[in-house]
Amino acid sequence: MDQNYIIDTLKNNINRQSALDVLMDFERVLDNQNIYTYANWIDGEVVEGPHIDKYWVTVTLMYPYEKMPDPEAAKRLLKHDCKVYYAKDVLISAAKLKDPSDSEPRDGMDGRRPGGARAMKIEKDIWLITLEIPRKFMQELAAASLANANNDADTSAVDSAIADGDGEDNATIQS
C-alpha cells in the first residue's frame, strides 16, 4: 500500500457524489450493527473503494498494526451475508522532514527539482480489512432509516405540560 495511491483514491471519491453517498451508506451499516463498539474499529481509514458492483459494495479500511480491529465485530457482519477479509501489509509513506538526515538525495532523473532532496521512505506494518457488503442489505438499512426519519413524534403531551406550567423547573433537591 502506497500513500500516494491512498491520496488518489480519496480524491476520486471526493469528485464522485455517488461514491460519497455509498460511503455514507457503508458507514450506516457499520454504525447500525454496532461495529464501532468493538476495539479499534473506529480508527479505520478508507484506503480503497467503494467499488460498486451489481450486488456488492467493497471497501478496504486501513489500521495501524498495533490496533488490529476486534474480529468479534466481523461476526456481526457475517450474519448478514457480508464478507470480511483481514490482511497484513506494509504502508510506504514519506518521512517528516525535521533535519537533513530525514531526506535522501535525488539524481534529478525524473525531471522534478533536479539535484533536490526528497523525504526518505518509511515502511509501517498495517492491517487491511476488506468488507464486501450486499447492496440489498445497505438499501434495506437506508430505507429503514428514512422511515424512522419520516415518523413524526407526538409532542402533544409536552405541549400541554408547558401550557399547564408543569414544564417549569420547580424541582427541589432534598438532602
C-alpha atoms as a PDB file:
ATOM      1  CA  MET A   1       0.000   0.000   0.000  1.00  0.00           C
ATOM      2  CA  ASP A   2       1.432   3.343  -1.036  1.00  0.00           C
ATOM      3  CA  GLN A   3       0.488   6.710   0.463  1.00  0.00           C
ATOM      4  CA  ASN A   4       0.113   8.283  -2.992  1.00  0.00           C
ATOM      5  CA  TYR A   5      -2.351   5.551  -4.034  1.00  0.00           C
ATOM      6  CA  ILE A   6      -4.482   6.306  -0.966  1.00  0.00           C
ATOM      7  CA  ILE A   7      -4.480  10.038  -1.737  1.00  0.00           C
ATOM      8  CA  ASP A   8      -5.540   9.394  -5.345  1.00  0.00           C
ATOM      9  CA  THR A   9      -8.360   7.118  -4.188  1.00  0.00           C
ATOM     10  CA  LEU A  10      -9.682   9.742  -1.793  1.00  0.00           C
ATOM     11  CA  LYS A  11      -9.508  12.471  -4.468  1.00  0.00           C
ATOM     12  CA  ASN A  12     -11.523  10.283  -6.826  1.00  0.00           C
ATOM     13  CA  ASN A  13     -14.157   9.695  -4.118  1.00  0.00           C
ATOM     14  CA  ILE A  14     -14.476  13.398  -3.405  1.00  0.00           C
ATOM     15  CA  ASN A  15     -15.148  14.097  -7.069  1.00  0.00           C
ATOM     16  CA  ARG A  16     -17.938  11.475  -7.307  1.00  0.00           C
ATOM     17  CA  GLN A  17     -21.103  12.258  -5.358  1.00  0.00           C
ATOM     18  CA  SER A  18     -22.319   8.682  -5.814  1.00  0.00           C
ATOM     19  CA  ALA A  19     -19.157   7.369  -4.102  1.00  0.00           C
ATOM     20  CA  LEU A  20     -19.732   9.679  -1.150  1.00  0.00           C
ATOM     21  CA  ASP A  21     -23.349   8.538  -0.884  1.00  0.00           C
ATOM     22  CA  VAL A  22     -22.284   4.883  -0.916  1.00  0.00           C
ATOM     23  CA  LEU A  23     -19.627   5.567   1.736  1.00  0.00           C
ATOM     24  CA  MET A  24     -22.301   7.169   3.911  1.00  0.00           C
ATOM     25  CA  ASP A  25     -24.480   4.063   3.489  1.00  0.00           C
ATOM     26  CA  PHE A  26     -21.443   1.887   4.249  1.00  0.00           C
ATOM     27  CA  GLU A  27     -20.835   3.838   7.464  1.00  0.00           C
ATOM     28  CA  ARG A  28     -24.528   3.476   8.358  1.00  0.00           C
ATOM     29  CA  VAL A  29     -24.158  -0.322   8.104  1.00  0.00           C
ATOM     30  CA  LEU A  30     -21.186  -0.317  10.486  1.00  0.00           C
ATOM     31  CA  ASP A  31     -22.961   2.014  12.881  1.00  0.00           C
ATOM     32  CA  ASN A  32     -26.253   0.120  12.774  1.00  0.00           C
ATOM     33  CA  GLN A  33     -24.503  -3.174  13.516  1.00  0.00           C
ATOM     34  CA  ASN A  34     -22.657  -1.534  16.456  1.00  0.00           C
ATOM     35  CA  ILE A  35     -19.285  -2.363  14.922  1.00  0.00           C
ATOM     36  CA  TYR A  36     -17.723   0.759  16.424  1.00  0.00           C
ATOM     37  CA  THR A  37     -18.296  -0.557  19.947  1.00  0.00           C
ATOM     38  CA  TYR A  38     -15.613  -3.188  19.342  1.00  0.00           C
ATOM     39  CA  ALA A  39     -11.961  -2.372  19.957  1.00  0.00           C
ATOM     40  CA  ASN A  40     -10.200  -0.254  17.316  1.00  0.00           C
ATOM     41  CA  TRP A  41     -12.885  -0.349  14.609  1.00  0.00           C
ATOM     42  CA  ILE A  42     -13.391   3.406  14.946  1.00  0.00           C
ATOM     43  CA  ASP A  43      -9.742   4.009  13.937  1.00  0.00           C
ATOM     44  CA  GLY A  44     -10.126   2.683  10.373  1.00  0.00           C
ATOM     45  CA  GLU A  45      -9.285   4.809   7.340  1.00  0.00           C
ATOM     46  CA  VAL A  46     -10.783   4.206   3.913  1.00  0.00           C
ATOM     47  CA  VAL A  47      -7.918   3.391   1.549  1.00  0.00           C
ATOM     48  CA  GLU A  48      -9.737   1.745  -1.336  1.00  0.00           C
ATOM     49  CA  GLY A  49     -13.246   1.826  -2.663  1.00  0.00           C
ATOM     50  CA  PRO A  50     -16.089   1.959  -2.717  1.00  0.00           C
ATOM     51  CA  HIS A  51     -16.166  -0.488  -5.587  1.00  0.00           C
ATOM     52  CA  ILE A  52     -19.800  -0.721  -6.545  1.00  0.00           C
ATOM     53  CA  ASP A  53     -20.893  -3.891  -8.303  1.00  0.00           C
ATOM     54  CA  LYS A  54     -24.368  -5.091  -9.175  1.00  0.00           C
ATOM     55  CA  TYR A  55     -24.824  -6.933  -5.880  1.00  0.00           C
ATOM     56  CA  TRP A  56     -21.882  -5.873  -3.683  1.00  0.00           C
ATOM     57  CA  VAL A  57     -20.116  -2.803  -2.318  1.00  0.00           C
ATOM     58  CA  THR A  58     -16.455  -3.327  -1.421  1.00  0.00           C
ATOM     59  CA  VAL A  59     -14.438  -1.006   0.815  1.00  0.00           C
ATOM     60  CA  THR A  60     -10.961  -1.508   2.273  1.00  0.00           C
ATOM     61  CA  LEU A  61     -10.058   0.035   5.626  1.00  0.00           C
ATOM     62  CA  MET A  62      -6.526   0.502   6.977  1.00  0.00           C
ATOM     63  CA  TYR A  63      -5.462   0.175  10.620  1.00  0.00           C
ATOM     64  CA  PRO A  64      -2.090   0.533  12.366  1.00  0.00           C
ATOM     65  CA  TYR A  65      -0.591  -2.882  13.050  1.00  0.00           C
ATOM     66  CA  GLU A  66      -0.791  -2.343  16.828  1.00  0.00           C
ATOM     67  CA  LYS A  67      -4.520  -1.573  16.569  1.00  0.00           C
ATOM     68  CA  MET A  68      -5.932  -4.641  14.878  1.00  0.00           C
ATOM     69  CA  PRO A  69      -9.749  -4.409  14.899  1.00  0.00           C
ATOM     70  CA  ASP A  70     -11.527  -6.933  17.082  1.00  0.00           C
ATOM     71  CA  PRO A  71     -12.512  -9.926  14.900  1.00  0.00           C
ATOM     72  CA  GLU A  72     -15.654 -10.445  17.022  1.00  0.00           C
ATOM     73  CA  ALA A  73     -17.211  -7.456  15.245  1.00  0.00           C
ATOM     74  CA  ALA A  74     -16.844  -9.226  11.915  1.00  0.00           C
ATOM     75  CA  LYS A  75     -19.187 -11.955  13.172  1.00  0.00           C
ATOM     76  CA  ARG A  76     -21.998  -9.395  13.276  1.00  0.00           C
ATOM     77  CA  LEU A  77     -21.436  -8.621   9.620  1.00  0.00           C
ATOM     78  CA  LEU A  78     -21.154 -12.281   8.633  1.00  0.00           C
ATOM     79  CA  LYS A  79     -24.700 -12.852   9.932  1.00  0.00           C
ATOM     80  CA  HIS A  80     -25.920 -10.529   7.170  1.00  0.00           C
ATOM     81  CA  ASP A  81     -24.020 -12.295   4.371  1.00  0.00           C
ATOM     82  CA  CYS A  82     -21.190  -9.759   4.400  1.00  0.00           C
ATOM     83  CA  LYS A  83     -17.665 -10.915   3.603  1.00  0.00           C
ATOM     84  CA  VAL A  84     -14.697  -9.818   5.734  1.00  0.00           C
ATOM     85  CA  TYR A  85     -11.061 -10.259   4.745  1.00  0.00           C
ATOM     86  CA  TYR A  86      -8.070  -9.483   7.003  1.00  0.00           C
ATOM     87  CA  ALA A  87      -4.593  -8.948   5.514  1.00  0.00           C
ATOM     88  CA  LYS A  88      -1.251  -7.776   6.828  1.00  0.00           C
ATOM     89  CA  ASP A  89       0.507  -5.257   4.614  1.00  0.00           C
ATOM     90  CA  VAL A  90       3.115  -2.514   4.652  1.00  0.00           C
ATOM     91  CA  LEU A  91       2.345   1.186   4.204  1.00  0.00           C
ATOM     92  CA  ILE A  92       5.032   3.115   2.356  1.00  0.00           C
ATOM     93  CA  SER A  93       4.963   6.799   3.237  1.00  0.00           C
ATOM     94  CA  ALA A  94       7.288   9.790   3.332  1.00  0.00           C
ATOM     95  CA  ALA A  95       9.192  10.747   6.483  1.00  0.00           C
ATOM     96  CA  LYS A  96       8.582  14.120   8.081  1.00  0.00           C
ATOM     97  CA  LEU A  97      11.481  16.385   7.215  1.00  0.00           C
ATOM     98  CA  LYS A  98      12.808  17.580  10.559  1.00  0.00           C
ATOM     99  CA  ASP A  99      16.521  17.548   9.771  1.00  0.00           C
ATOM    100  CA  PRO A 100      18.720  16.693   6.764  1.00  0.00           C
ATOM    101  CA  SER A 101      19.043  13.063   7.818  1.00  0.00           C
ATOM    102  CA  ASP A 102      15.317  12.591   7.026  1.00  0.00           C
ATOM    103  CA  SER A 103      15.938  13.136   3.304  1.00  0.00           C
ATOM    104  CA  GLU A 104      17.703  11.263   0.557  1.00  0.00           C
ATOM    105  CA  PRO A 105      19.466  12.919  -2.380  1.00  0.00           C
ATOM    106  CA  ARG A 106      17.867  12.846  -5.806  1.00  0.00           C
ATOM    107  CA  ASP A 107      19.616  12.226  -9.031  1.00  0.00           C
ATOM    108  CA  GLY A 108      17.221  14.501 -10.921  1.00  0.00           C
ATOM    109  CA  MET A 109      16.331  11.835 -13.482  1.00  0.00           C
ATOM    110  CA  ASP A 110      12.583  12.304 -13.075  1.00  0.00           C
ATOM    111  CA  GLY A 111      12.737  15.985 -14.048  1.00  0.00           C
ATOM    112  CA  ARG A 112      11.315  17.330 -10.811  1.00  0.00           C
ATOM    113  CA  ARG A 113      13.579  19.585  -8.762  1.00  0.00           C
ATOM    114  CA  PRO A 114      16.876  18.368 -10.245  1.00  0.00           C
ATOM    115  CA  GLY A 115      19.529  17.953  -7.580  1.00  0.00           C
ATOM    116  CA  GLY A 116      16.998  18.481  -4.777  1.00  0.00           C
ATOM    117  CA  ALA A 117      16.283  16.174  -1.899  1.00  0.00           C
ATOM    118  CA  ARG A 118      13.170  14.196  -1.124  1.00  0.00           C
ATOM    119  CA  ALA A 119      11.852  12.624   2.040  1.00  0.00           C
ATOM    120  CA  MET A 120      13.017   9.134   2.874  1.00  0.00           C
ATOM    121  CA  LYS A 121      10.511   6.329   2.517  1.00  0.00           C
ATOM    122  CA  ILE A 122       9.178   4.829   5.736  1.00  0.00           C
ATOM    123  CA  GLU A 123       7.584   1.409   5.911  1.00  0.00           C
ATOM    124  CA  LYS A 124       4.989   0.706   8.608  1.00  0.00           C
ATOM    125  CA  ASP A 125       3.127  -2.525   9.217  1.00  0.00           C
ATOM    126  CA  ILE A 126      -0.637  -2.197   8.860  1.00  0.00           C
ATOM    127  CA  TRP A 127      -3.830  -4.244   8.757  1.00  0.00           C
ATOM    128  CA  LEU A 128      -6.114  -4.027   5.748  1.00  0.00           C
ATOM    129  CA  ILE A 129      -9.709  -5.061   6.335  1.00  0.00           C
ATOM    130  CA  THR A 130     -11.764  -5.514   3.174  1.00  0.00           C
ATOM    131  CA  LEU A 131     -15.521  -5.565   3.642  1.00  0.00           C
ATOM    132  CA  GLU A 132     -17.911  -6.753   0.967  1.00  0.00           C
ATOM    133  CA  ILE A 133     -21.436  -5.761   1.869  1.00  0.00           C
ATOM    134  CA  PRO A 134     -24.525  -6.811  -0.104  1.00  0.00           C
ATOM    135  CA  ARG A 135     -26.169  -3.799  -1.720  1.00  0.00           C
ATOM    136  CA  LYS A 136     -29.556  -5.202  -0.738  1.00  0.00           C
ATOM    137  CA  PHE A 137     -28.581  -5.035   2.942  1.00  0.00           C
ATOM    138  CA  MET A 138     -27.366  -1.443   2.563  1.00  0.00           C
ATOM    139  CA  GLN A 139     -30.581  -0.434   0.805  1.00  0.00           C
ATOM    140  CA  GLU A 140     -32.749  -2.064   3.487  1.00  0.00           C
ATOM    141  CA  LEU A 141     -30.959  -0.112   6.214  1.00  0.00           C
ATOM    142  CA  ALA A 142     -31.248   3.127   4.238  1.00  0.00           C
ATOM    143  CA  ALA A 143     -34.997   2.551   3.785  1.00  0.00           C
ATOM    144  CA  ALA A 144     -35.463   1.796   7.491  1.00  0.00           C
ATOM    145  CA  SER A 145     -33.527   4.920   8.415  1.00  0.00           C
ATOM    146  CA  LEU A 146     -35.651   7.023   6.080  1.00  0.00           C
ATOM    147  CA  ALA A 147     -38.848   5.544   7.519  1.00  0.00           C
ATOM    148  CA  ASN A 148     -37.722   6.434  11.046  1.00  0.00           C
ATOM    149  CA  ALA A 149     -36.885   9.970   9.961  1.00  0.00           C
ATOM    150  CA  ASN A 150     -40.350  10.412   8.445  1.00  0.00           C
ATOM    151  CA  ASN A 151     -42.183   9.375  11.606  1.00  0.00           C
ATOM    152  CA  ASP A 152     -43.377  12.452  13.417  1.00  0.00           C
ATOM    153  CA  ALA A 153     -43.017  12.473  17.180  1.00  0.00           C
ATOM    154  CA  ASP A 154     -46.167  13.072  19.203  1.00  0.00           C
ATOM    155  CA  THR A 155     -45.385  16.236  21.120  1.00  0.00           C
ATOM    156  CA  SER A 156     -48.913  16.930  22.367  1.00  0.00           C
ATOM    157  CA  ALA A 157     -48.091  15.748  25.927  1.00  0.00           C
ATOM    158  CA  VAL A 158     -45.088  18.056  26.066  1.00  0.00           C
ATOM    159  CA  ASP A 159     -47.063  20.970  24.635  1.00  0.00           C
ATOM    160  CA  SER A 160     -49.882  20.525  27.182  1.00  0.00           C
ATOM    161  CA  ALA A 161     -47.414  20.253  30.079  1.00  0.00           C
ATOM    162  CA  ILE A 162     -45.802  23.521  29.042  1.00  0.00           C
ATOM    163  CA  ALA A 163     -49.207  25.194  28.731  1.00  0.00           C
ATOM    164  CA  ASP A 164     -50.206  23.969  32.219  1.00  0.00           C
ATOM    165  CA  GLY A 165     -46.991  25.262  33.737  1.00  0.00           C
ATOM    166  CA  ASP A 166     -45.758  21.775  34.632  1.00  0.00           C
ATOM    167  CA  GLY A 167     -42.813  22.216  32.303  1.00  0.00           C
ATOM    168  CA  GLU A 168     -41.165  24.790  34.564  1.00  0.00           C
ATOM    169  CA  ASP A 169     -38.124  23.781  36.519  1.00  0.00           C
ATOM    170  CA  ASN A 170     -39.582  23.808  40.068  1.00  0.00           C
ATOM    171  CA  ALA A 171     -37.712  20.770  41.316  1.00  0.00           C
ATOM    172  CA  THR A 172     -36.054  20.991  44.697  1.00  0.00           C
ATOM    173  CA  ILE A 173     -33.161  18.936  45.905  1.00  0.00           C
ATOM    174  CA  GLN A 174     -33.669  17.266  49.250  1.00  0.00           C
ATOM    175  CA  SER A 175     -30.716  16.131  51.306  1.00  0.00           C
END
